[in-house]
Amino acid sequence: MMRSNYLEELHFATLQILERTGVAFECQEALDIPGEAGADIANPDRVKIPSYLVEQALRTSPKIITLYTREGESAITLNGQTGSHFGAVLDLQEDLLKELMKVEKTWFDRVGLKHEYPKRDG
């Protein structure tokens, strides 16, 4: 388990990066979302997101998210306690993992972020 002050420092540093340095958005639809919320989108390569927007998003986002298969069956629940997150889902069948990776890639593409998966054995 990470030390509490380490997590706070990491969170603060992340807020600073988002607010001062910014992040790149490659998709106009994804760019509109933070723009409508109040982020500085004058330069899509340096979208600056104020810390209050990040904090508000963290307060109001769902604390539990369930991902489903194409057949509508519950695949995994992300709740901060499962030890799993996008791209590192443990103990699932290979075909389910591939489906989750497709969901993640679609999400990253939609919000305009680049992401590559590490090479897997087997």
C-alpha atoms as a PDB file:
ATOM      1  CA  MET A   1       0.000   0.000   0.000  1.00  0.00           C
ATOM      2  CA  MET A   2       1.324   3.443  -0.874  1.00  0.00           C
ATOM      3  CA  ARG A   3       1.903   5.984   1.856  1.00  0.00           C
ATOM      4  CA  SER A   4      -0.881   8.534   2.137  1.00  0.00           C
ATOM      5  CA  ASN A   5       1.453  11.533   1.806  1.00  0.00           C
ATOM      6  CA  TYR A   6       2.991   9.975  -1.320  1.00  0.00           C
ATOM      7  CA  LEU A   7      -0.460   9.725  -2.904  1.00  0.00           C
ATOM      8  CA  GLU A   8      -1.210  13.324  -1.943  1.00  0.00           C
ATOM      9  CA  GLU A   9       2.076  14.498  -3.469  1.00  0.00           C
ATOM     10  CA  LEU A  10       1.388  12.519  -6.625  1.00  0.00           C
ATOM     11  CA  HIS A  11      -2.123  13.951  -6.850  1.00  0.00           C
ATOM     12  CA  PHE A  12      -0.852  17.518  -6.356  1.00  0.00           C
ATOM     13  CA  ALA A  13       1.867  17.038  -9.003  1.00  0.00           C
ATOM     14  CA  THR A  14      -0.721  15.682 -11.433  1.00  0.00           C
ATOM     15  CA  LEU A  15      -2.962  18.681 -10.835  1.00  0.00           C
ATOM     16  CA  GLN A  16      -0.026  21.001 -11.514  1.00  0.00           C
ATOM     17  CA  ILE A  17       0.808  19.268 -14.790  1.00  0.00           C
ATOM     18  CA  LEU A  18      -2.789  19.414 -15.993  1.00  0.00           C
ATOM     19  CA  GLU A  19      -3.165  23.072 -15.018  1.00  0.00           C
ATOM     20  CA  ARG A  20       0.248  24.480 -15.951  1.00  0.00           C
ATOM     21  CA  THR A  21       1.673  22.252 -18.687  1.00  0.00           C
ATOM     22  CA  GLY A  22      -1.532  20.857 -20.135  1.00  0.00           C
ATOM     23  CA  VAL A  23      -2.249  17.825 -22.266  1.00  0.00           C
ATOM     24  CA  ALA A  24      -2.700  17.299 -25.993  1.00  0.00           C
ATOM     25  CA  PHE A  25      -6.084  16.488 -27.502  1.00  0.00           C
ATOM     26  CA  GLU A  26      -6.222  15.117 -31.029  1.00  0.00           C
ATOM     27  CA  CYS A  27      -9.975  14.660 -31.272  1.00  0.00           C
ATOM     28  CA  GLN A  28     -12.228  17.722 -31.560  1.00  0.00           C
ATOM     29  CA  GLU A  29     -15.135  15.932 -29.899  1.00  0.00           C
ATOM     30  CA  ALA A  30     -12.932  15.086 -26.911  1.00  0.00           C
ATOM     31  CA  LEU A  31     -11.601  18.661 -26.849  1.00  0.00           C
ATOM     32  CA  ASP A  32     -15.107  20.084 -26.597  1.00  0.00           C
ATOM     33  CA  ILE A  33     -15.787  18.332 -23.285  1.00  0.00           C
ATOM     34  CA  PRO A  34     -13.127  20.081 -21.162  1.00  0.00           C
ATOM     35  CA  GLY A  35     -13.689  23.278 -23.142  1.00  0.00           C
ATOM     36  CA  GLU A  36     -17.363  23.356 -22.205  1.00  0.00           C
ATOM     37  CA  ALA A  37     -16.404  22.670 -18.586  1.00  0.00           C
ATOM     38  CA  GLY A  38     -14.041  25.659 -18.459  1.00  0.00           C
ATOM     39  CA  ALA A  39     -10.608  24.368 -19.475  1.00  0.00           C
ATOM     40  CA  ASP A  40      -8.327  26.527 -21.629  1.00  0.00           C
ATOM     41  CA  ILE A  41      -8.561  24.920 -25.082  1.00  0.00           C
ATOM     42  CA  ALA A  42      -7.007  27.768 -27.079  1.00  0.00           C
ATOM     43  CA  ASN A  43      -4.133  25.446 -28.016  1.00  0.00           C
ATOM     44  CA  PRO A  44      -5.275  21.821 -28.549  1.00  0.00           C
ATOM     45  CA  ASP A  45      -1.663  20.686 -28.024  1.00  0.00           C
ATOM     46  CA  ARG A  46      -1.632  22.299 -24.565  1.00  0.00           C
ATOM     47  CA  VAL A  47      -5.127  22.056 -23.110  1.00  0.00           C
ATOM     48  CA  LYS A  48      -4.872  23.360 -19.574  1.00  0.00           C
ATOM     49  CA  ILE A  49      -7.340  21.908 -17.122  1.00  0.00           C
ATOM     50  CA  PRO A  50      -7.795  23.864 -13.872  1.00  0.00           C
ATOM     51  CA  SER A  51      -7.414  21.832 -10.702  1.00  0.00           C
ATOM     52  CA  TYR A  52     -10.957  22.679  -9.587  1.00  0.00           C
ATOM     53  CA  LEU A  53     -12.308  20.887 -12.699  1.00  0.00           C
ATOM     54  CA  VAL A  54     -10.246  17.800 -11.925  1.00  0.00           C
ATOM     55  CA  GLU A  55     -11.372  17.820  -8.296  1.00  0.00           C
ATOM     56  CA  GLN A  56     -15.000  18.256  -9.351  1.00  0.00           C
ATOM     57  CA  ALA A  57     -14.694  15.350 -11.794  1.00  0.00           C
ATOM     58  CA  LEU A  58     -13.213  13.151  -9.070  1.00  0.00           C
ATOM     59  CA  ARG A  59     -16.000  14.067  -6.642  1.00  0.00           C
ATOM     60  CA  THR A  60     -18.814  13.484  -9.123  1.00  0.00           C
ATOM     61  CA  SER A  61     -17.551  10.484 -11.098  1.00  0.00           C
ATOM     62  CA  PRO A  62     -18.999   7.054 -10.341  1.00  0.00           C
ATOM     63  CA  LYS A  63     -17.102   5.210  -7.624  1.00  0.00           C
ATOM     64  CA  ILE A  64     -17.983   1.855  -9.143  1.00  0.00           C
ATOM     65  CA  ILE A  65     -17.920   1.042 -12.857  1.00  0.00           C
ATOM     66  CA  THR A  66     -19.007  -2.289 -14.294  1.00  0.00           C
ATOM     67  CA  LEU A  67     -17.780  -3.370 -17.715  1.00  0.00           C
ATOM     68  CA  TYR A  68     -19.900  -5.760 -19.735  1.00  0.00           C
ATOM     69  CA  THR A  69     -19.247  -8.232 -22.512  1.00  0.00           C
ATOM     70  CA  ARG A  70     -20.894  -7.819 -25.890  1.00  0.00           C
ATOM     71  CA  GLU A  71     -23.445 -10.348 -24.710  1.00  0.00           C
ATOM     72  CA  GLY A  72     -24.398  -8.062 -21.819  1.00  0.00           C
ATOM     73  CA  GLU A  73     -22.823 -10.152 -19.086  1.00  0.00           C
ATOM     74  CA  SER A  74     -20.973  -8.421 -16.280  1.00  0.00           C
ATOM     75  CA  ALA A  75     -17.245  -8.770 -17.002  1.00  0.00           C
ATOM     76  CA  ILE A  76     -15.505  -6.835 -14.265  1.00  0.00           C
ATOM     77  CA  THR A  77     -16.307  -4.247 -11.655  1.00  0.00           C
ATOM     78  CA  LEU A  78     -13.814  -1.450 -11.093  1.00  0.00           C
ATOM     79  CA  ASN A  79     -14.222  -0.153  -7.567  1.00  0.00           C
ATOM     80  CA  GLY A  80     -10.779   0.830  -6.318  1.00  0.00           C
ATOM     81  CA  GLN A  81     -10.560  -2.396  -4.332  1.00  0.00           C
ATOM     82  CA  THR A  82     -10.269  -5.001  -7.078  1.00  0.00           C
ATOM     83  CA  GLY A  83      -6.635  -4.326  -7.934  1.00  0.00           C
ATOM     84  CA  SER A  84      -7.603  -4.146 -11.581  1.00  0.00           C
ATOM     85  CA  HIS A  85      -7.799  -1.251 -13.982  1.00  0.00           C
ATOM     86  CA  PHE A  86      -7.869  -0.673 -17.723  1.00  0.00           C
ATOM     87  CA  GLY A  87      -4.976  -2.415 -19.417  1.00  0.00           C
ATOM     88  CA  ALA A  88      -4.010  -4.517 -16.409  1.00  0.00           C
ATOM     89  CA  VAL A  89      -7.012  -6.725 -15.767  1.00  0.00           C
ATOM     90  CA  LEU A  90      -6.019  -9.825 -13.850  1.00  0.00           C
ATOM     91  CA  ASP A  91      -7.411 -13.346 -13.755  1.00  0.00           C
ATOM     92  CA  LEU A  92      -9.724 -13.067 -16.745  1.00  0.00           C
ATOM     93  CA  GLN A  93     -10.017 -15.375 -19.712  1.00  0.00           C
ATOM     94  CA  GLU A  94      -7.886 -14.307 -22.667  1.00  0.00           C
ATOM     95  CA  ASP A  95     -10.869 -13.493 -24.900  1.00  0.00           C
ATOM     96  CA  LEU A  96     -12.417 -11.299 -22.205  1.00  0.00           C
ATOM     97  CA  LEU A  97      -9.112  -9.478 -21.729  1.00  0.00           C
ATOM     98  CA  LYS A  98      -8.962  -8.826 -25.474  1.00  0.00           C
ATOM     99  CA  GLU A  99     -12.482  -7.383 -25.380  1.00  0.00           C
ATOM    100  CA  LEU A 100     -11.580  -5.100 -22.489  1.00  0.00           C
ATOM    101  CA  MET A 101      -8.483  -3.943 -24.343  1.00  0.00           C
ATOM    102  CA  LYS A 102     -10.698  -3.043 -27.312  1.00  0.00           C
ATOM    103  CA  VAL A 103     -12.942  -1.022 -24.994  1.00  0.00           C
ATOM    104  CA  GLU A 104      -9.916   0.754 -23.565  1.00  0.00           C
ATOM    105  CA  LYS A 105      -8.466   1.501 -27.007  1.00  0.00           C
ATOM    106  CA  THR A 106     -11.811   2.923 -28.110  1.00  0.00           C
ATOM    107  CA  TRP A 107     -11.916   5.117 -24.997  1.00  0.00           C
ATOM    108  CA  PHE A 108      -8.345   6.353 -25.489  1.00  0.00           C
ATOM    109  CA  ASP A 109      -9.048   7.043 -29.170  1.00  0.00           C
ATOM    110  CA  ARG A 110     -12.237   8.899 -28.312  1.00  0.00           C
ATOM    111  CA  VAL A 111     -10.589  11.215 -25.809  1.00  0.00           C
ATOM    112  CA  GLY A 112      -7.591  11.730 -28.074  1.00  0.00           C
ATOM    113  CA  LEU A 113      -4.929  10.032 -25.956  1.00  0.00           C
ATOM    114  CA  LYS A 114      -2.270   7.658 -27.242  1.00  0.00           C
ATOM    115  CA  HIS A 115      -1.752   4.370 -25.474  1.00  0.00           C
ATOM    116  CA  GLU A 116       0.251   1.252 -26.187  1.00  0.00           C
ATOM    117  CA  TYR A 117       0.046  -2.037 -24.351  1.00  0.00           C
ATOM    118  CA  PRO A 118       3.187  -3.686 -23.033  1.00  0.00           C
ATOM    119  CA  LYS A 119       4.190  -6.903 -24.772  1.00  0.00           C
ATOM    120  CA  ARG A 120       2.613  -9.937 -23.136  1.00  0.00           C
ATOM    121  CA  ASP A 121       4.074 -13.417 -22.885  1.00  0.00           C
ATOM    122  CA  GLY A 122       2.118 -16.121 -24.680  1.00  0.00           C
END
